[in-house]
Protein backbone atom coordinates (compact mmCIF):
# COMPACT_ATOMS: atom_id res chain seq x y z
CA MET A 1 78.54 -133.88 -35.50
CA VAL A 2 76.35 -134.11 -32.40
CA ARG A 3 78.98 -132.44 -30.26
CA ARG A 4 79.37 -129.57 -32.72
CA ARG A 5 75.55 -129.03 -32.78
CA SER A 6 75.44 -129.13 -28.94
CA GLY A 7 78.35 -126.69 -28.72
CA GLY A 8 76.70 -124.35 -31.21
CA PHE A 9 73.40 -124.51 -29.27
CA ALA A 10 75.16 -123.79 -26.00
CA LEU A 11 76.96 -120.81 -27.54
CA LEU A 12 73.63 -119.50 -28.82
CA ILE A 13 72.18 -119.74 -25.31
CA VAL A 14 75.21 -117.96 -23.79
CA LEU A 15 74.92 -115.18 -26.38
CA TRP A 16 71.16 -114.68 -25.76
CA THR A 17 71.88 -114.72 -22.04
CA LEU A 18 74.45 -111.97 -22.45
CA VAL A 19 72.00 -109.94 -24.55
CA LEU A 20 69.39 -110.30 -21.83
CA ILE A 21 71.85 -109.32 -19.07
CA ALA A 22 72.93 -106.33 -21.15
CA PHE A 23 69.31 -105.27 -21.62
CA ILE A 24 68.62 -105.54 -17.88
CA VAL A 25 71.74 -103.50 -17.07
CA ALA A 26 70.79 -100.85 -19.57
CA HIS A 27 67.23 -100.70 -18.13
CA LEU A 28 68.54 -100.46 -14.56
CA THR A 29 71.00 -97.73 -15.58
CA ALA A 30 68.28 -95.69 -17.32
CA SER A 31 65.92 -96.06 -14.31
CA GLY A 32 68.78 -95.02 -12.01
CA ARG A 33 69.37 -91.89 -14.07
CA THR A 34 65.66 -91.08 -14.07
CA GLU A 35 65.48 -91.53 -10.25
CA ILE A 36 68.55 -89.30 -9.84
CA GLN A 37 67.04 -86.68 -12.03
CA ILE A 38 63.77 -86.72 -10.07
CA ALA A 39 65.67 -86.43 -6.80
CA ARG A 40 67.67 -83.54 -8.20
CA ASN A 41 64.47 -81.77 -9.29
CA LEU A 42 62.91 -82.31 -5.90
CA VAL A 43 65.93 -80.84 -4.15
CA ALA A 44 66.05 -77.87 -6.51
CA ASN A 45 62.33 -77.16 -5.95
CA ALA A 46 62.84 -77.45 -2.12
CA VAL A 47 65.74 -74.97 -2.40
CA ALA A 48 63.64 -72.54 -4.44
CA ASP A 49 60.72 -73.04 -2.10
CA ALA A 50 62.81 -72.19 1.01
CA ALA A 51 64.29 -69.15 -0.87
CA GLY A 52 60.75 -67.90 -1.55
CA ASP A 53 59.78 -68.24 2.08
CA GLY A 54 62.98 -66.44 3.10
CA ALA A 55 62.19 -63.59 0.72
CA ILE A 56 58.69 -63.26 2.08
CA SER A 57 60.14 -63.06 5.64
CA ALA A 58 62.59 -60.43 4.49
CA ALA A 59 59.71 -58.38 2.99
CA ILE A 60 57.80 -58.58 6.33
CA PHE A 61 60.76 -57.34 8.35
CA ASN A 62 61.35 -54.61 5.74
CA GLN A 63 57.79 -53.34 6.43
CA LEU A 64 58.62 -53.30 10.14
CA ASP A 65 61.52 -50.92 9.72
CA PRO A 66 60.91 -47.87 11.95
CA ASN A 67 62.17 -45.64 9.25
CA PRO A 68 59.40 -45.28 6.66
CA ASP A 69 61.89 -44.27 3.96
CA GLN A 70 63.53 -47.66 4.16
CA ARG A 71 60.35 -49.60 3.58
CA TRP A 72 59.51 -50.89 0.19
CA ARG A 73 56.49 -49.18 -1.43
CA LEU A 74 53.38 -51.21 -1.90
CA ASN A 75 53.09 -50.52 -5.62
CA GLY A 76 53.94 -53.87 -7.15
CA GLU A 77 57.59 -52.86 -7.90
CA ALA A 78 59.98 -55.86 -8.17
CA HIS A 79 62.79 -56.07 -5.64
CA GLU A 80 65.58 -58.58 -6.23
CA LEU A 81 67.18 -60.59 -3.48
CA THR A 82 69.85 -63.24 -3.46
CA ILE A 83 69.23 -66.04 -0.92
CA GLY A 84 71.88 -68.79 -1.02
CA ASN A 85 72.22 -69.81 -4.62
CA SER A 86 68.76 -68.62 -5.46
CA ARG A 87 67.65 -65.32 -7.06
CA VAL A 88 64.32 -64.07 -5.79
CA THR A 89 62.11 -61.20 -7.02
CA VAL A 90 59.62 -59.87 -4.43
CA GLN A 91 56.61 -57.68 -5.08
CA LEU A 92 54.51 -55.94 -2.45
CA GLU A 93 50.88 -54.69 -3.04
CA ASP A 94 48.47 -52.99 -0.75
CA GLU A 95 45.61 -55.29 -0.16
CA ALA A 96 43.40 -52.36 0.65
CA GLY A 97 43.40 -51.49 -3.09
CA ARG A 98 41.06 -54.47 -3.81
CA VAL A 99 37.40 -54.96 -3.39
CA ASN A 100 36.26 -57.13 -0.41
CA PRO A 101 33.06 -58.76 -1.59
CA SER A 102 32.11 -59.69 2.03
CA THR A 103 31.94 -56.06 3.10
CA ALA A 104 31.70 -53.98 -0.09
CA SER A 105 28.43 -52.12 -0.80
CA PRO A 106 26.17 -53.45 -3.49
CA ALA A 107 26.87 -50.24 -5.45
CA LEU A 108 30.55 -50.96 -5.48
CA LEU A 109 30.07 -54.63 -6.47
CA GLU A 110 27.77 -53.52 -9.26
CA ALA A 111 30.28 -50.91 -10.48
CA LEU A 112 33.09 -53.50 -10.49
CA LEU A 113 30.92 -55.95 -12.46
CA ARG A 114 30.04 -53.30 -14.98
CA THR A 115 33.71 -52.20 -15.34
CA THR A 116 34.78 -55.78 -15.96
CA GLY A 117 32.21 -56.28 -18.78
CA SER A 118 28.84 -57.27 -17.28
CA ASP A 119 25.84 -55.49 -18.63
CA PRO A 120 24.06 -53.13 -16.16
CA GLU A 121 21.08 -55.46 -15.52
CA SER A 122 23.26 -58.56 -14.98
CA GLY A 123 25.64 -56.58 -12.80
CA ARG A 124 22.78 -55.37 -10.64
CA ARG A 125 21.27 -58.82 -10.16
CA LEU A 126 24.69 -60.40 -9.47
CA ALA A 127 25.69 -57.70 -6.98
CA ALA A 128 22.45 -58.31 -5.11
CA ALA A 129 23.06 -62.04 -5.16
CA ILE A 130 26.57 -61.57 -3.71
CA GLY A 131 25.08 -59.36 -1.03
CA GLN A 132 22.56 -62.06 -0.17
CA TRP A 133 25.30 -64.69 -0.03
CA VAL A 134 27.46 -62.80 2.42
CA GLY A 135 24.55 -61.42 4.46
CA SER A 136 25.00 -57.74 3.55
CA GLN A 137 21.93 -57.33 1.43
CA PRO A 138 19.14 -55.79 3.58
CA GLY A 139 15.48 -56.67 3.29
CA VAL A 140 15.92 -60.20 1.88
CA GLY A 141 14.96 -63.06 4.21
CA PRO A 142 16.71 -66.39 4.18
CA GLN A 143 13.58 -68.15 2.94
CA ASN A 144 13.13 -65.84 -0.02
CA ALA A 145 16.83 -66.18 -0.92
CA MET A 146 16.64 -70.01 -0.64
CA ALA A 147 13.50 -70.06 -2.84
CA ALA A 148 15.40 -68.31 -5.66
CA TYR A 149 18.13 -70.97 -5.56
CA ARG A 150 15.67 -73.81 -5.47
CA ALA A 151 13.83 -72.27 -8.47
CA ALA A 152 17.12 -72.39 -10.30
CA GLY A 153 17.47 -76.13 -9.57
CA LEU A 154 20.16 -75.71 -6.90
CA ASP A 155 20.05 -77.73 -3.66
CA TYR A 156 21.71 -75.01 -1.57
CA GLY A 157 21.27 -71.41 -0.70
CA PRO A 158 23.21 -68.40 0.51
CA PRO A 159 24.77 -68.86 3.97
CA GLY A 160 24.39 -65.23 4.87
CA GLU A 161 27.97 -65.11 6.16
CA PRO A 162 31.31 -63.60 4.99
CA LEU A 163 33.16 -65.61 2.36
CA GLU A 164 35.74 -68.13 3.50
CA THR A 165 37.37 -68.29 0.04
CA LEU A 166 36.98 -66.40 -3.19
CA ASP A 167 36.12 -69.73 -4.90
CA GLU A 168 32.91 -69.66 -2.97
CA LEU A 169 31.65 -66.85 -5.28
CA GLY A 170 31.35 -69.53 -7.97
CA ARG A 171 28.32 -70.86 -6.14
CA VAL A 172 26.46 -67.53 -6.13
CA LEU A 173 23.26 -67.50 -8.19
CA GLY A 174 24.03 -66.05 -11.66
CA MET A 175 27.82 -66.20 -11.35
CA THR A 176 29.65 -67.68 -14.37
CA PRO A 177 33.27 -68.82 -14.62
CA ALA A 178 33.88 -65.97 -17.15
CA VAL A 179 32.52 -63.31 -14.82
CA LEU A 180 34.44 -64.70 -11.79
CA ALA A 181 37.65 -64.83 -13.78
CA ALA A 182 37.15 -61.17 -14.74
CA ILE A 183 36.58 -59.81 -11.23
CA ARG A 184 38.82 -62.21 -9.22
CA PRO A 185 42.13 -60.41 -9.79
CA HIS A 186 40.55 -57.29 -8.11
CA LEU A 187 39.11 -59.12 -5.06
CA THR A 188 40.38 -59.79 -1.58
CA LEU A 189 39.03 -61.25 1.62
CA PHE A 190 41.18 -59.02 3.78
CA GLY A 191 40.59 -55.49 2.56
CA PRO A 192 38.36 -52.80 3.96
CA ALA A 193 34.77 -52.18 2.91
CA GLU A 194 35.97 -49.18 0.85
CA PRO A 195 39.12 -49.73 -1.32
CA ASN A 196 41.95 -47.22 -0.97
CA PRO A 197 41.99 -45.23 -4.14
CA ALA A 198 45.65 -44.45 -3.74
CA SER A 199 46.64 -48.12 -4.12
CA ALA A 200 43.80 -49.41 -6.32
CA ASP A 201 44.47 -50.82 -9.76
CA PRO A 202 42.96 -49.20 -12.88
CA VAL A 203 39.94 -51.46 -12.84
CA VAL A 204 39.06 -50.82 -9.19
CA THR A 205 39.79 -47.05 -9.72
CA ALA A 206 37.30 -47.08 -12.63
CA ALA A 207 34.76 -48.93 -10.46
CA LEU A 208 35.11 -46.39 -7.65
CA ALA A 209 34.69 -43.54 -10.18
CA ASP A 210 31.61 -45.28 -11.62
CA MET A 211 30.10 -45.76 -8.20
CA ALA A 212 30.78 -42.11 -7.28
CA GLN A 213 28.89 -40.89 -10.34
CA ALA A 214 25.92 -43.17 -9.62
CA ALA A 215 25.51 -42.06 -5.99
CA PRO A 216 27.55 -40.67 -3.11
CA ALA A 217 29.52 -43.36 -1.28
CA PRO A 218 28.08 -44.13 2.21
CA VAL A 219 30.28 -44.23 5.29
CA LEU A 220 31.13 -47.91 5.61
CA PRO A 221 32.15 -49.83 8.76
CA ASN A 222 35.04 -52.21 9.32
CA GLN A 223 37.70 -49.75 8.16
CA PRO A 224 41.14 -50.68 9.50
CA PRO A 225 43.03 -48.26 11.73
CA PRO A 226 45.10 -45.74 9.72
CA ASP A 227 48.37 -47.27 10.92
CA MET A 228 47.38 -50.84 9.96
CA LEU A 229 48.41 -52.19 6.55
CA THR A 230 47.45 -55.40 4.85
CA VAL A 231 50.17 -56.40 2.40
CA ARG A 232 50.12 -59.04 -0.41
CA ILE A 233 53.69 -60.36 -0.89
CA THR A 234 54.63 -62.36 -4.00
CA ALA A 235 58.04 -64.02 -4.34
CA ASN A 236 59.32 -65.66 -7.54
CA ALA A 237 62.41 -67.75 -6.64
CA PHE A 238 64.81 -69.06 -9.30
CA ALA A 239 67.12 -71.86 -8.05
CA PRO A 240 69.83 -73.93 -9.76
CA HIS A 241 68.82 -76.61 -12.26
CA ASN A 242 66.12 -74.23 -13.73
CA ALA A 243 63.83 -74.69 -10.63
CA ARG A 244 61.27 -71.89 -10.17
CA VAL A 245 58.75 -71.46 -7.35
CA THR A 246 56.17 -68.74 -6.82
CA ARG A 247 55.14 -68.19 -3.19
CA SER A 248 52.68 -65.65 -1.88
CA ALA A 249 51.39 -64.44 1.45
CA ILE A 250 49.04 -61.87 2.89
CA VAL A 251 50.29 -60.20 6.04
CA ARG A 252 48.81 -57.54 8.28
CA VAL A 253 51.35 -55.10 9.66
CA GLY A 254 50.74 -52.60 12.45
CA ALA A 255 52.08 -51.49 15.82
CA MET A 256 48.97 -52.75 17.55
CA LEU A 257 49.66 -56.34 16.63
CA PRO A 258 51.89 -58.66 18.72
CA GLY A 259 55.33 -58.56 17.18
CA GLY A 260 54.11 -55.87 14.74
CA TYR A 261 52.52 -58.28 12.16
CA ALA A 262 50.08 -61.13 11.69
CA VAL A 263 50.14 -63.66 8.84
CA LEU A 264 46.69 -64.10 7.35
CA VAL A 265 47.64 -66.40 4.41
CA TRP A 266 50.89 -68.15 3.72
CA GLY A 267 51.26 -71.17 1.58
CA THR A 268 50.33 -70.56 -2.06
CA ARG A 269 53.00 -72.19 -4.20
CA VAL A 270 53.43 -72.95 -7.87
CA PHE A 271 56.38 -75.12 -9.04
CA ASP A 272 57.62 -74.64 -12.59
């Protein structure tokens, strides 16, 4: 009887050991599959990322074509490329069609704010505050500008220098996230002081018309040479395993530049 009980207990231990081993094997197998899937996704994203970079390079060289008829138009039209096993759609836009808040006149900034939903008084104050921030607002000393920020409970003031990023506008006195979200799609750091009406979007076109009705547009400095273009290139790459990457760059193209072009921004990426 004792031997039977001992044998039954030993068999029970063996069975539980086998169950434990099976559980461990199943866990390791599942973990291995997860790691393999993660590695596969990383590879797919890297492939799509490289394809997006390749498409941007192809767009730059397209703009360097000596035959203007062969160049893609800067109107946002989608062009489809195949790079390796990836499909890429490329869009080119003229950066000169956007408003540069570092060099734009207060009248243009005010018109853009009104066009995007700000009331006239708020638009006037905010346009003046942006001018103070970037140093283009005449007649306002640094001490007076700093006093307004201190009165609003802020421990900083306008630097009086051109913007380094568009996010910096969020620190301007009176700016709200909603207002910044409304005007941001129409802004650039690389455009001229006066947007090009031929390549402006409907909002900027309306702002230019609004400004023209309010007062004649002054002659503004910092206009690029006529043969110089600043191009925003957006590439959406679709790779195997449902990988998708969006890459964008801003490139200045012109015969006066070494090699014919200069990259201003390259690196924005979004993985889906």
